[in-house]
Amino acid sequence: MKKRRKSLILKIAILSFAVYIVATLIYQAVQIKESNKRLAQVKSQYAATQAENEKLEALLNESDEEFMESVAREELGYSKPNERIYVDASGN
């Protein structure tokens, strides 16, 4: 009787350990998947930031006159004398 009881307890312990290992592996797989998604998002943000940095560096490398003209046109809405600016009113 004691031998059967020890055998049953051993089988339950081994089964419990196996279930624990499988659950741990599944949890880690889910964590890895989430980490890979987050990594993809960070890489995308990094690429966007790099593109913005390149644009800003190009602006810095322009001559001062070209830079001031682009700021006046884009941010302040200025234009050259006798120049017509057309605005698309359709919103597209």
PDB file of N, CA and C in Angstrom:
ATOM      1  N   MET A   1       0.805  -1.179   0.000  1.00  0.00           N
ATOM      2  CA  MET A   1       0.000   0.000   0.000  1.00  0.00           C
ATOM      3  C   MET A   1       0.866   1.269   0.000  1.00  0.00           C
ATOM      4  N   LYS A   2       1.943   1.252   0.824  1.00  0.00           N
ATOM      5  CA  LYS A   2       2.821   2.415   0.887  1.00  0.00           C
ATOM      6  C   LYS A   2       3.537   2.614  -0.447  1.00  0.00           C
ATOM      7  N   LYS A   3       3.888   1.507  -1.089  1.00  0.00           N
ATOM      8  CA  LYS A   3       4.592   1.600  -2.362  1.00  0.00           C
ATOM      9  C   LYS A   3       3.692   2.242  -3.419  1.00  0.00           C
ATOM     10  N   ARG A   4       2.412   1.859  -3.442  1.00  0.00           N
ATOM     11  CA  ARG A   4       1.473   2.441  -4.395  1.00  0.00           C
ATOM     12  C   ARG A   4       1.269   3.939  -4.109  1.00  0.00           C
ATOM     13  N   ARG A   5       1.189   4.268  -2.847  1.00  0.00           N
ATOM     14  CA  ARG A   5       0.961   5.658  -2.459  1.00  0.00           C
ATOM     15  C   ARG A   5       2.161   6.524  -2.869  1.00  0.00           C
ATOM     16  N   LYS A   6       3.368   6.026  -2.638  1.00  0.00           N
ATOM     17  CA  LYS A   6       4.575   6.767  -3.031  1.00  0.00           C
ATOM     18  C   LYS A   6       4.627   6.901  -4.547  1.00  0.00           C
ATOM     19  N   SER A   7       4.259   5.861  -5.255  1.00  0.00           N
ATOM     20  CA  SER A   7       4.258   5.887  -6.713  1.00  0.00           C
ATOM     21  C   SER A   7       3.240   6.912  -7.221  1.00  0.00           C
ATOM     22  N   LEU A   8       2.070   6.952  -6.615  1.00  0.00           N
ATOM     23  CA  LEU A   8       1.037   7.905  -7.013  1.00  0.00           C
ATOM     24  C   LEU A   8       1.487   9.334  -6.727  1.00  0.00           C
ATOM     25  N   ILE A   9       2.080   9.555  -5.576  1.00  0.00           N
ATOM     26  CA  ILE A   9       2.575  10.897  -5.224  1.00  0.00           C
ATOM     27  C   ILE A   9       3.681  11.320  -6.192  1.00  0.00           C
ATOM     28  N   LEU A  10       4.553  10.401  -6.552  1.00  0.00           N
ATOM     29  CA  LEU A  10       5.630  10.701  -7.503  1.00  0.00           C
ATOM     30  C   LEU A  10       5.062  11.061  -8.873  1.00  0.00           C
ATOM     31  N   LYS A  11       4.067  10.317  -9.333  1.00  0.00           N
ATOM     32  CA  LYS A  11       3.439  10.606 -10.627  1.00  0.00           C
ATOM     33  C   LYS A  11       2.762  11.974 -10.603  1.00  0.00           C
ATOM     34  N   ILE A  12       2.077  12.302  -9.520  1.00  0.00           N
ATOM     35  CA  ILE A  12       1.422  13.606  -9.400  1.00  0.00           C
ATOM     36  C   ILE A  12       2.469  14.725  -9.390  1.00  0.00           C
ATOM     37  N   ALA A  13       3.564  14.513  -8.696  1.00  0.00           N
ATOM     38  CA  ALA A  13       4.629  15.516  -8.642  1.00  0.00           C
ATOM     39  C   ALA A  13       5.242  15.732 -10.024  1.00  0.00           C
ATOM     40  N   ILE A  14       5.494  14.651 -10.743  1.00  0.00           N
ATOM     41  CA  ILE A  14       6.075  14.756 -12.086  1.00  0.00           C
ATOM     42  C   ILE A  14       5.094  15.445 -13.027  1.00  0.00           C
ATOM     43  N   LEU A  15       3.818  15.088 -12.947  1.00  0.00           N
ATOM     44  CA  LEU A  15       2.801  15.722 -13.782  1.00  0.00           C
ATOM     45  C   LEU A  15       2.686  17.209 -13.456  1.00  0.00           C
ATOM     46  N   SER A  16       2.704  17.543 -12.182  1.00  0.00           N
ATOM     47  CA  SER A  16       2.632  18.954 -11.778  1.00  0.00           C
ATOM     48  C   SER A  16       3.829  19.737 -12.304  1.00  0.00           C
ATOM     49  N   PHE A  17       5.007  19.154 -12.222  1.00  0.00           N
ATOM     50  CA  PHE A  17       6.210  19.803 -12.726  1.00  0.00           C
ATOM     51  C   PHE A  17       6.127  20.003 -14.236  1.00  0.00           C
ATOM     52  N   ALA A  18       5.628  18.986 -14.942  1.00  0.00           N
ATOM     53  CA  ALA A  18       5.494  19.090 -16.397  1.00  0.00           C
ATOM     54  C   ALA A  18       4.505  20.189 -16.778  1.00  0.00           C
ATOM     55  N   VAL A  19       3.393  20.279 -16.061  1.00  0.00           N
ATOM     56  CA  VAL A  19       2.405  21.334 -16.331  1.00  0.00           C
ATOM     57  C   VAL A  19       3.018  22.706 -16.061  1.00  0.00           C
ATOM     58  N   TYR A  20       3.780  22.805 -14.993  1.00  0.00           N
ATOM     59  CA  TYR A  20       4.448  24.070 -14.664  1.00  0.00           C
ATOM     60  C   TYR A  20       5.413  24.478 -15.779  1.00  0.00           C
ATOM     61  N   ILE A  21       6.191  23.541 -16.279  1.00  0.00           N
ATOM     62  CA  ILE A  21       7.160  23.832 -17.347  1.00  0.00           C
ATOM     63  C   ILE A  21       6.433  24.289 -18.607  1.00  0.00           C
ATOM     64  N   VAL A  22       5.364  23.592 -18.991  1.00  0.00           N
ATOM     65  CA  VAL A  22       4.612  23.964 -20.192  1.00  0.00           C
ATOM     66  C   VAL A  22       4.001  25.354 -20.021  1.00  0.00           C
ATOM     67  N   ALA A  23       3.416  25.630 -18.878  1.00  0.00           N
ATOM     68  CA  ALA A  23       2.822  26.950 -18.631  1.00  0.00           C
ATOM     69  C   ALA A  23       3.884  28.043 -18.691  1.00  0.00           C
ATOM     70  N   THR A  24       5.042  27.788 -18.139  1.00  0.00           N
ATOM     71  CA  THR A  24       6.133  28.761 -18.166  1.00  0.00           C
ATOM     72  C   THR A  24       6.596  29.022 -19.593  1.00  0.00           C
ATOM     73  N   LEU A  25       6.717  27.985 -20.393  1.00  0.00           N
ATOM     74  CA  LEU A  25       7.138  28.142 -21.786  1.00  0.00           C
ATOM     75  C   LEU A  25       6.115  28.942 -22.598  1.00  0.00           C
ATOM     76  N   ILE A  26       4.845  28.666 -22.371  1.00  0.00           N
ATOM     77  CA  ILE A  26       3.797  29.414 -23.075  1.00  0.00           C
ATOM     78  C   ILE A  26       3.836  30.884 -22.669  1.00  0.00           C
ATOM     79  N   TYR A  27       3.979  31.155 -21.390  1.00  0.00           N
ATOM     80  CA  TYR A  27       4.051  32.534 -20.911  1.00  0.00           C
ATOM     81  C   TYR A  27       5.243  33.268 -21.518  1.00  0.00           C
ATOM     82  N   GLN A  28       6.383  32.609 -21.574  1.00  0.00           N
ATOM     83  CA  GLN A  28       7.572  33.235 -22.153  1.00  0.00           C
ATOM     84  C   GLN A  28       7.400  33.479 -23.650  1.00  0.00           C
ATOM     85  N   ALA A  29       6.726  32.567 -24.339  1.00  0.00           N
ATOM     86  CA  ALA A  29       6.478  32.766 -25.771  1.00  0.00           C
ATOM     87  C   ALA A  29       5.603  33.997 -25.997  1.00  0.00           C
ATOM     88  N   VAL A  30       4.603  34.178 -25.150  1.00  0.00           N
ATOM     89  CA  VAL A  30       3.737  35.354 -25.255  1.00  0.00           C
ATOM     90  C   VAL A  30       4.543  36.622 -24.971  1.00  0.00           C
ATOM     91  N   GLN A  31       5.386  36.589 -23.966  1.00  0.00           N
ATOM     92  CA  GLN A  31       6.218  37.748 -23.636  1.00  0.00           C
ATOM     93  C   GLN A  31       7.164  38.095 -24.781  1.00  0.00           C
ATOM     94  N   ILE A  32       7.733  37.098 -25.417  1.00  0.00           N
ATOM     95  CA  ILE A  32       8.641  37.333 -26.547  1.00  0.00           C
ATOM     96  C   ILE A  32       7.887  37.965 -27.704  1.00  0.00           C
ATOM     97  N   LYS A  33       6.677  37.495 -27.969  1.00  0.00           N
ATOM     98  CA  LYS A  33       5.872  38.054 -29.054  1.00  0.00           C
ATOM     99  C   LYS A  33       5.564  39.524 -28.789  1.00  0.00           C
ATOM    100  N   GLU A  34       5.170  39.847 -27.558  1.00  0.00           N
ATOM    101  CA  GLU A  34       4.885  41.239 -27.196  1.00  0.00           C
ATOM    102  C   GLU A  34       6.139  42.100 -27.289  1.00  0.00           C
ATOM    103  N   SER A  35       7.263  41.566 -26.888  1.00  0.00           N
ATOM    104  CA  SER A  35       8.522  42.311 -26.970  1.00  0.00           C
ATOM    105  C   SER A  35       8.909  42.572 -28.421  1.00  0.00           C
ATOM    106  N   ASN A  36       8.655  41.607 -29.292  1.00  0.00           N
ATOM    107  CA  ASN A  36       8.956  41.798 -30.712  1.00  0.00           C
ATOM    108  C   ASN A  36       8.060  42.872 -31.320  1.00  0.00           C
ATOM    109  N   LYS A  37       6.792  42.922 -30.901  1.00  0.00           N
ATOM    110  CA  LYS A  37       5.908  43.979 -31.378  1.00  0.00           C
ATOM    111  C   LYS A  37       6.413  45.335 -30.931  1.00  0.00           C
ATOM    112  N   ARG A  38       6.791  45.423 -29.670  1.00  0.00           N
ATOM    113  CA  ARG A  38       7.303  46.688 -29.132  1.00  0.00           C
ATOM    114  C   ARG A  38       8.593  47.099 -29.848  1.00  0.00           C
ATOM    115  N   LEU A  39       9.441  46.133 -30.136  1.00  0.00           N
ATOM    116  CA  LEU A  39      10.678  46.416 -30.861  1.00  0.00           C
ATOM    117  C   LEU A  39      10.377  46.967 -32.248  1.00  0.00           C
ATOM    118  N   ALA A  40       9.384  46.393 -32.927  1.00  0.00           N
ATOM    119  CA  ALA A  40       9.004  46.889 -34.248  1.00  0.00           C
ATOM    120  C   ALA A  40       8.505  48.329 -34.165  1.00  0.00           C
ATOM    121  N   GLN A  41       7.729  48.642 -33.125  1.00  0.00           N
ATOM    122  CA  GLN A  41       7.247  50.008 -32.942  1.00  0.00           C
ATOM    123  C   GLN A  41       8.404  50.973 -32.701  1.00  0.00           C
ATOM    124  N   VAL A  42       9.338  50.569 -31.875  1.00  0.00           N
ATOM    125  CA  VAL A  42      10.481  51.434 -31.566  1.00  0.00           C
ATOM    126  C   VAL A  42      11.332  51.643 -32.815  1.00  0.00           C
ATOM    127  N   LYS A  43      11.517  50.593 -33.612  1.00  0.00           N
ATOM    128  CA  LYS A  43      12.287  50.746 -34.855  1.00  0.00           C
ATOM    129  C   LYS A  43      11.590  51.693 -35.808  1.00  0.00           C
ATOM    130  N   SER A  44      10.271  51.628 -35.866  1.00  0.00           N
ATOM    131  CA  SER A  44       9.509  52.531 -36.727  1.00  0.00           C
ATOM    132  C   SER A  44       9.669  53.981 -36.253  1.00  0.00           C
ATOM    133  N   GLN A  45       9.564  54.192 -34.944  1.00  0.00           N
ATOM    134  CA  GLN A  45       9.761  55.535 -34.399  1.00  0.00           C
ATOM    135  C   GLN A  45      11.178  56.029 -34.672  1.00  0.00           C
ATOM    136  N   TYR A  46      12.136  55.121 -34.564  1.00  0.00           N
ATOM    137  CA  TYR A  46      13.527  55.490 -34.810  1.00  0.00           C
ATOM    138  C   TYR A  46      13.714  55.929 -36.257  1.00  0.00           C
ATOM    139  N   ALA A  47      13.112  55.188 -37.191  1.00  0.00           N
ATOM    140  CA  ALA A  47      13.233  55.541 -38.604  1.00  0.00           C
ATOM    141  C   ALA A  47      12.595  56.902 -38.883  1.00  0.00           C
ATOM    142  N   ALA A  48      11.438  57.157 -38.262  1.00  0.00           N
ATOM    143  CA  ALA A  48      10.777  58.450 -38.453  1.00  0.00           C
ATOM    144  C   ALA A  48      11.624  59.579 -37.877  1.00  0.00           C
ATOM    145  N   THR A  49      12.218  59.347 -36.737  1.00  0.00           N
ATOM    146  CA  THR A  49      13.067  60.357 -36.113  1.00  0.00           C
ATOM    147  C   THR A  49      14.320  60.606 -36.955  1.00  0.00           C
ATOM    148  N   GLN A  50      14.874  59.531 -37.494  1.00  0.00           N
ATOM    149  CA  GLN A  50      16.055  59.684 -38.358  1.00  0.00           C
ATOM    150  C   GLN A  50      15.706  60.518 -39.593  1.00  0.00           C
ATOM    151  N   ALA A  51      14.536  60.262 -40.198  1.00  0.00           N
ATOM    152  CA  ALA A  51      14.125  61.026 -41.374  1.00  0.00           C
ATOM    153  C   ALA A  51      13.948  62.504 -41.017  1.00  0.00           C
ATOM    154  N   GLU A  52      13.351  62.755 -39.871  1.00  0.00           N
ATOM    155  CA  GLU A  52      13.170  64.139 -39.429  1.00  0.00           C
ATOM    156  C   GLU A  52      14.524  64.808 -39.166  1.00  0.00           C
ATOM    157  N   ASN A  53      15.448  64.073 -38.558  1.00  0.00           N
ATOM    158  CA  ASN A  53      16.791  64.618 -38.311  1.00  0.00           C
ATOM    159  C   ASN A  53      17.506  64.953 -39.606  1.00  0.00           C
ATOM    160  N   GLU A  54      17.375  64.074 -40.606  1.00  0.00           N
ATOM    161  CA  GLU A  54      18.009  64.343 -41.902  1.00  0.00           C
ATOM    162  C   GLU A  54      17.423  65.596 -42.536  1.00  0.00           C
ATOM    163  N   LYS A  55      16.099  65.760 -42.416  1.00  0.00           N
ATOM    164  CA  LYS A  55      15.451  66.952 -42.958  1.00  0.00           C
ATOM    165  C   LYS A  55      15.971  68.207 -42.252  1.00  0.00           C
ATOM    166  N   LEU A  56      16.082  68.124 -40.922  1.00  0.00           N
ATOM    167  CA  LEU A  56      16.576  69.285 -40.169  1.00  0.00           C
ATOM    168  C   LEU A  56      18.040  69.578 -40.484  1.00  0.00           C
ATOM    169  N   GLU A  57      18.833  68.535 -40.670  1.00  0.00           N
ATOM    170  CA  GLU A  57      20.233  68.751 -41.044  1.00  0.00           C
ATOM    171  C   GLU A  57      20.338  69.399 -42.414  1.00  0.00           C
ATOM    172  N   ALA A  58      19.474  69.003 -43.333  1.00  0.00           N
ATOM    173  CA  ALA A  58      19.470  69.620 -44.660  1.00  0.00           C
ATOM    174  C   ALA A  58      19.116  71.101 -44.539  1.00  0.00           C
ATOM    175  N   LEU A  59      18.166  71.419 -43.659  1.00  0.00           N
ATOM    176  CA  LEU A  59      17.821  72.820 -43.446  1.00  0.00           C
ATOM    177  C   LEU A  59      19.000  73.597 -42.861  1.00  0.00           C
ATOM    178  N   LEU A  60      19.720  72.977 -41.956  1.00  0.00           N
ATOM    179  CA  LEU A  60      20.874  73.650 -41.361  1.00  0.00           C
ATOM    180  C   LEU A  60      21.986  73.861 -42.379  1.00  0.00           C
ATOM    181  N   ASN A  61      22.109  72.950 -43.322  1.00  0.00           N
ATOM    182  CA  ASN A  61      23.168  73.052 -44.319  1.00  0.00           C
ATOM    183  C   ASN A  61      22.848  74.049 -45.423  1.00  0.00           C
ATOM    184  N   GLU A  62      21.573  74.425 -45.540  1.00  0.00           N
ATOM    185  CA  GLU A  62      21.229  75.437 -46.534  1.00  0.00           C
ATOM    186  C   GLU A  62      21.838  76.784 -46.125  1.00  0.00           C
ATOM    187  N   SER A  63      21.975  77.647 -47.099  1.00  0.00           N
ATOM    188  CA  SER A  63      22.476  78.979 -46.754  1.00  0.00           C
ATOM    189  C   SER A  63      21.405  79.706 -45.946  1.00  0.00           C
ATOM    190  N   ASP A  64      21.813  80.727 -45.233  1.00  0.00           N
ATOM    191  CA  ASP A  64      20.885  81.457 -44.377  1.00  0.00           C
ATOM    192  C   ASP A  64      19.739  82.077 -45.182  1.00  0.00           C
ATOM    193  N   GLU A  65      20.040  82.565 -46.363  1.00  0.00           N
ATOM    194  CA  GLU A  65      19.002  83.194 -47.179  1.00  0.00           C
ATOM    195  C   GLU A  65      17.947  82.175 -47.602  1.00  0.00           C
ATOM    196  N   GLU A  66      18.394  81.018 -48.026  1.00  0.00           N
ATOM    197  CA  GLU A  66      17.447  79.974 -48.417  1.00  0.00           C
ATOM    198  C   GLU A  66      16.613  79.524 -47.225  1.00  0.00           C
ATOM    199  N   PHE A  67      17.239  79.413 -46.085  1.00  0.00           N
ATOM    200  CA  PHE A  67      16.526  78.992 -44.880  1.00  0.00           C
ATOM    201  C   PHE A  67      15.472  80.031 -44.494  1.00  0.00           C
ATOM    202  N   MET A  68      15.855  81.297 -44.486  1.00  0.00           N
ATOM    203  CA  MET A  68      14.914  82.351 -44.122  1.00  0.00           C
ATOM    204  C   MET A  68      13.761  82.408 -45.118  1.00  0.00           C
ATOM    205  N   GLU A  69      14.044  82.200 -46.391  1.00  0.00           N
ATOM    206  CA  GLU A  69      12.992  82.209 -47.397  1.00  0.00           C
ATOM    207  C   GLU A  69      12.021  81.043 -47.175  1.00  0.00           C
ATOM    208  N   SER A  70      12.555  79.867 -46.869  1.00  0.00           N
ATOM    209  CA  SER A  70      11.667  78.723 -46.650  1.00  0.00           C
ATOM    210  C   SER A  70      10.809  78.921 -45.394  1.00  0.00           C
ATOM    211  N   VAL A  71      11.383  79.490 -44.347  1.00  0.00           N
ATOM    212  CA  VAL A  71      10.598  79.758 -43.132  1.00  0.00           C
ATOM    213  C   VAL A  71       9.535  80.806 -43.421  1.00  0.00           C
ATOM    214  N   ALA A  72       9.893  81.846 -44.155  1.00  0.00           N
ATOM    215  CA  ALA A  72       8.928  82.901 -44.472  1.00  0.00           C
ATOM    216  C   ALA A  72       7.776  82.355 -45.307  1.00  0.00           C
ATOM    217  N   ARG A  73       8.066  81.474 -46.251  1.00  0.00           N
ATOM    218  CA  ARG A  73       7.023  80.908 -47.101  1.00  0.00           C
ATOM    219  C   ARG A  73       6.168  79.894 -46.347  1.00  0.00           C
ATOM    220  N   GLU A  74       6.800  78.944 -45.675  1.00  0.00           N
ATOM    221  CA  GLU A  74       6.073  77.828 -45.094  1.00  0.00           C
ATOM    222  C   GLU A  74       5.373  78.184 -43.780  1.00  0.00           C
ATOM    223  N   GLU A  75       6.040  78.920 -42.926  1.00  0.00           N
ATOM    224  CA  GLU A  75       5.477  79.176 -41.600  1.00  0.00           C
ATOM    225  C   GLU A  75       4.753  80.517 -41.509  1.00  0.00           C
ATOM    226  N   LEU A  76       5.232  81.514 -42.208  1.00  0.00           N
ATOM    227  CA  LEU A  76       4.641  82.846 -42.090  1.00  0.00           C
ATOM    228  C   LEU A  76       3.696  83.173 -43.237  1.00  0.00           C
ATOM    229  N   GLY A  77       3.733  82.390 -44.301  1.00  0.00           N
ATOM    230  CA  GLY A  77       2.822  82.605 -45.422  1.00  0.00           C
ATOM    231  C   GLY A  77       3.203  83.774 -46.318  1.00  0.00           C
ATOM    232  N   TYR A  78       4.450  84.201 -46.299  1.00  0.00           N
ATOM    233  CA  TYR A  78       4.887  85.308 -47.146  1.00  0.00           C
ATOM    234  C   TYR A  78       5.097  84.827 -48.577  1.00  0.00           C
ATOM    235  N   SER A  79       5.155  85.802 -49.491  1.00  0.00           N
ATOM    236  CA  SER A  79       5.446  85.496 -50.890  1.00  0.00           C
ATOM    237  C   SER A  79       6.294  86.615 -51.472  1.00  0.00           C
ATOM    238  N   LYS A  80       6.833  86.360 -52.647  1.00  0.00           N
ATOM    239  CA  LYS A  80       7.639  87.379 -53.320  1.00  0.00           C
ATOM    240  C   LYS A  80       6.709  88.388 -53.971  1.00  0.00           C
ATOM    241  N   PRO A  81       7.233  89.585 -54.259  1.00  0.00           N
ATOM    242  CA  PRO A  81       6.390  90.592 -54.917  1.00  0.00           C
ATOM    243  C   PRO A  81       5.878  90.069 -56.263  1.00  0.00           C
ATOM    244  N   ASN A  82       4.631  90.396 -56.575  1.00  0.00           N
ATOM    245  CA  ASN A  82       3.960  90.003 -57.817  1.00  0.00           C
ATOM    246  C   ASN A  82       3.863  88.486 -57.985  1.00  0.00           C
ATOM    247  N   GLU A  83       3.946  87.751 -56.919  1.00  0.00           N
ATOM    248  CA  GLU A  83       3.822  86.295 -56.980  1.00  0.00           C
ATOM    249  C   GLU A  83       2.420  85.918 -56.512  1.00  0.00           C
ATOM    250  N   ARG A  84       1.797  85.001 -57.239  1.00  0.00           N
ATOM    251  CA  ARG A  84       0.460  84.557 -56.865  1.00  0.00           C
ATOM    252  C   ARG A  84       0.554  83.185 -56.205  1.00  0.00           C
ATOM    253  N   ILE A  85      -0.137  83.063 -55.087  1.00  0.00           N
ATOM    254  CA  ILE A  85      -0.165  81.786 -54.376  1.00  0.00           C
ATOM    255  C   ILE A  85      -1.582  81.254 -54.464  1.00  0.00           C
ATOM    256  N   TYR A  86      -1.680  80.029 -54.912  1.00  0.00           N
ATOM    257  CA  TYR A  86      -2.988  79.390 -55.041  1.00  0.00           C
ATOM    258  C   TYR A  86      -3.154  78.398 -53.890  1.00  0.00           C
ATOM    259  N   VAL A  87      -4.350  78.449 -53.291  1.00  0.00           N
ATOM    260  CA  VAL A  87      -4.657  77.563 -52.173  1.00  0.00           C
ATOM    261  C   VAL A  87      -5.777  76.635 -52.608  1.00  0.00           C
ATOM    262  N   ASP A  88      -5.581  75.351 -52.383  1.00  0.00           N
ATOM    263  CA  ASP A  88      -6.602  74.355 -52.708  1.00  0.00           C
ATOM    264  C   ASP A  88      -7.660  74.395 -51.618  1.00  0.00           C
ATOM    265  N   ALA A  89      -8.834  74.908 -51.948  1.00  0.00           N
ATOM    266  CA  ALA A  89      -9.897  75.071 -50.974  1.00  0.00           C
ATOM    267  C   ALA A  89     -10.701  73.787 -50.758  1.00  0.00           C
ATOM    268  N   SER A  90     -10.453  72.781 -51.571  1.00  0.00           N
ATOM    269  CA  SER A  90     -11.223  71.538 -51.446  1.00  0.00           C
ATOM    270  C   SER A  90     -10.757  70.718 -50.229  1.00  0.00           C
ATOM    271  N   GLY A  91      -9.607  71.048 -49.669  1.00  0.00           N
ATOM    272  CA  GLY A  91      -9.113  70.344 -48.502  1.00  0.00           C
ATOM    273  C   GLY A  91      -8.341  69.091 -48.830  1.00  0.00           C
ATOM    274  N   ASN A  92      -8.120  68.831 -50.079  1.00  0.00           N
ATOM    275  CA  ASN A  92      -7.369  67.618 -50.474  1.00  0.00           C
ATOM    276  C   ASN A  92      -5.918  67.906 -50.637  1.00  0.00           C
TER     277      ASN A  92
END
